[in-house]
Amino acid sequence: MKKTTLLNAAISQVIASMGHGDTLVIGDVGLPVPPGVPVIDLALTRGVPGFMQVLNAVLSELQVEHHVLAFELEQRSPALAAQIAHLALPGVRQVSHADFKDLTRQARAVIRTGECTPYANIILGSGVVF
């Protein structure tokens, strides 16, 4: 059995298979997933699991070089935007929500949470550990 925080086998497998520059999306319950992009659906009930719970678990294993957020997050959900900013993730890029959805087409996978906060979505770009 794994000793690290992240116990979900599907998420661990995606992270282990990622190379430099690959992306992983963590999304709210309403984020559309493009055809062909694998979905790891964690949504159990409204709000469970929460976006920040999933993000923190993923960050326990993924080396992040950059991240992408929609401009609308700060406007519509400032408390969540502040929680993400507090993590001090490297290389923030902000785009429109429409552009964000286009970028999800390139992701290795989308992790669907039970989060129901507007624009609670992030794209994490994989870095290297050396």
Protein backbone atom coordinates (compact mmCIF):
# COMPACT_ATOMS: atom_id res chain seq x y z
CA MET A 1 0.00 0.00 0.00
CA LYS A 2 1.21 3.51 -0.86
CA LYS A 3 2.54 5.72 1.91
CA THR A 4 1.96 9.04 0.18
CA THR A 5 -1.14 11.19 0.51
CA LEU A 6 -2.61 10.35 -2.89
CA LEU A 7 -4.21 6.90 -2.84
CA ASN A 8 -6.33 7.04 -6.02
CA ALA A 9 -4.78 4.56 -8.45
CA ALA A 10 -6.05 6.23 -11.63
CA ILE A 11 -4.69 9.65 -10.64
CA SER A 12 -1.36 8.17 -9.52
CA GLN A 13 -1.06 6.34 -12.83
CA VAL A 14 -1.66 9.51 -14.87
CA ILE A 15 0.85 11.49 -12.82
CA ALA A 16 3.46 8.73 -13.10
CA SER A 17 3.04 8.70 -16.88
CA MET A 18 3.33 12.47 -17.36
CA GLY A 19 6.36 14.07 -18.94
CA HIS A 20 7.68 17.61 -18.88
CA GLY A 21 5.02 19.98 -20.19
CA ASP A 22 2.12 17.53 -20.09
CA THR A 23 -1.03 18.89 -18.50
CA LEU A 24 -3.60 17.61 -16.03
CA VAL A 25 -6.93 19.30 -15.41
CA ILE A 26 -8.85 19.41 -12.14
CA GLY A 27 -12.37 20.58 -12.78
CA ASP A 28 -15.66 21.33 -11.15
CA VAL A 29 -18.70 19.15 -11.73
CA GLY A 30 -19.82 21.21 -14.73
CA LEU A 31 -16.59 21.45 -16.75
CA PRO A 32 -17.15 19.86 -20.16
CA VAL A 33 -14.57 17.25 -21.10
CA PRO A 34 -13.56 17.07 -24.76
CA PRO A 35 -14.08 13.76 -26.56
CA GLY A 36 -11.05 11.52 -26.29
CA VAL A 37 -9.65 13.06 -23.10
CA PRO A 38 -9.80 10.53 -20.25
CA VAL A 39 -11.96 11.47 -17.27
CA ILE A 40 -11.23 10.41 -13.72
CA ASP A 41 -14.63 11.04 -12.16
CA LEU A 42 -14.41 11.53 -8.40
CA ALA A 43 -17.75 13.35 -8.04
CA LEU A 44 -19.82 11.63 -5.38
CA THR A 45 -22.36 14.22 -4.32
CA ARG A 46 -22.67 18.00 -4.62
CA GLY A 47 -19.41 19.38 -3.19
CA VAL A 48 -17.80 16.00 -2.49
CA PRO A 49 -14.92 15.81 -3.00
CA GLY A 50 -14.13 19.49 -3.00
CA PHE A 51 -11.82 21.17 -5.49
CA MET A 52 -9.18 22.15 -2.93
CA GLN A 53 -9.12 18.65 -1.40
CA VAL A 54 -8.37 17.15 -4.80
CA LEU A 55 -5.89 19.86 -5.77
CA ASN A 56 -3.91 19.42 -2.55
CA ALA A 57 -3.81 15.64 -2.98
CA VAL A 58 -2.59 15.96 -6.59
CA LEU A 59 0.04 18.51 -5.56
CA SER A 60 1.44 15.97 -3.10
CA GLU A 61 2.72 13.96 -6.10
CA LEU A 62 2.84 16.20 -9.17
CA GLN A 63 5.78 18.50 -9.84
CA VAL A 64 4.10 21.63 -11.22
CA GLU A 65 5.91 24.03 -13.52
CA HIS A 66 2.96 26.24 -14.46
CA HIS A 67 -0.79 26.47 -14.07
CA VAL A 68 -3.71 27.98 -15.95
CA LEU A 69 -6.83 29.56 -14.50
CA ALA A 70 -9.80 31.30 -16.10
CA PHE A 71 -10.09 35.07 -15.54
CA GLU A 72 -13.66 34.44 -14.43
CA LEU A 73 -12.54 32.52 -11.33
CA GLU A 74 -11.29 35.63 -9.57
CA GLN A 75 -14.37 37.61 -10.59
CA ARG A 76 -17.00 35.00 -9.67
CA SER A 77 -15.31 32.99 -6.91
CA PRO A 78 -12.76 35.25 -5.22
CA ALA A 79 -12.49 33.12 -2.07
CA LEU A 80 -11.42 30.07 -4.08
CA ALA A 81 -9.07 32.20 -6.18
CA ALA A 82 -7.43 33.38 -2.94
CA GLN A 83 -7.02 29.79 -1.70
CA ILE A 84 -5.29 28.84 -4.95
CA ALA A 85 -3.07 31.95 -4.82
CA HIS A 86 -2.08 31.05 -1.24
CA LEU A 87 -0.53 27.82 -2.59
CA ALA A 88 2.01 29.97 -4.50
CA LEU A 89 2.06 27.66 -7.51
CA PRO A 90 4.58 28.64 -10.17
CA GLY A 91 3.89 30.21 -13.53
CA VAL A 92 0.28 31.37 -13.45
CA ARG A 93 -1.40 32.07 -16.77
CA GLN A 94 -4.91 33.46 -16.96
CA VAL A 95 -7.15 32.98 -19.97
CA SER A 96 -10.83 33.30 -20.76
CA HIS A 97 -13.04 30.38 -19.76
CA ALA A 98 -13.60 29.64 -23.45
CA ASP A 99 -9.84 29.44 -24.04
CA PHE A 100 -9.47 27.35 -20.87
CA LYS A 101 -11.93 24.80 -22.27
CA ASP A 102 -9.96 24.71 -25.54
CA LEU A 103 -6.75 23.99 -23.60
CA THR A 104 -8.36 20.98 -21.91
CA ARG A 105 -8.27 19.20 -25.30
CA GLN A 106 -4.50 18.75 -24.82
CA ALA A 107 -4.70 17.35 -21.28
CA ARG A 108 -3.54 13.87 -20.35
CA ALA A 109 -6.70 13.60 -18.21
CA VAL A 110 -9.42 15.60 -16.51
CA ILE A 111 -10.18 14.91 -12.86
CA ARG A 112 -13.84 15.72 -12.18
CA THR A 113 -14.58 16.78 -8.62
CA GLY A 114 -17.92 17.31 -6.93
CA GLU A 115 -17.17 21.04 -6.63
CA CYS A 116 -20.08 23.35 -7.46
CA THR A 117 -18.24 26.67 -7.17
CA PRO A 118 -18.24 28.62 -10.46
CA TYR A 119 -15.02 28.33 -12.48
CA ALA A 120 -13.34 25.98 -9.98
CA ASN A 121 -10.98 24.61 -12.61
CA ILE A 122 -7.21 24.50 -13.02
CA ILE A 123 -4.77 23.16 -15.57
CA LEU A 124 -1.50 21.96 -14.04
CA GLY A 125 1.58 21.78 -16.25
CA SER A 126 4.07 19.12 -15.31
CA GLY A 127 7.59 20.10 -14.42
CA VAL A 128 10.69 18.02 -13.79
CA VAL A 129 12.23 17.09 -10.46
CA PHE A 130 15.84 17.56 -11.55
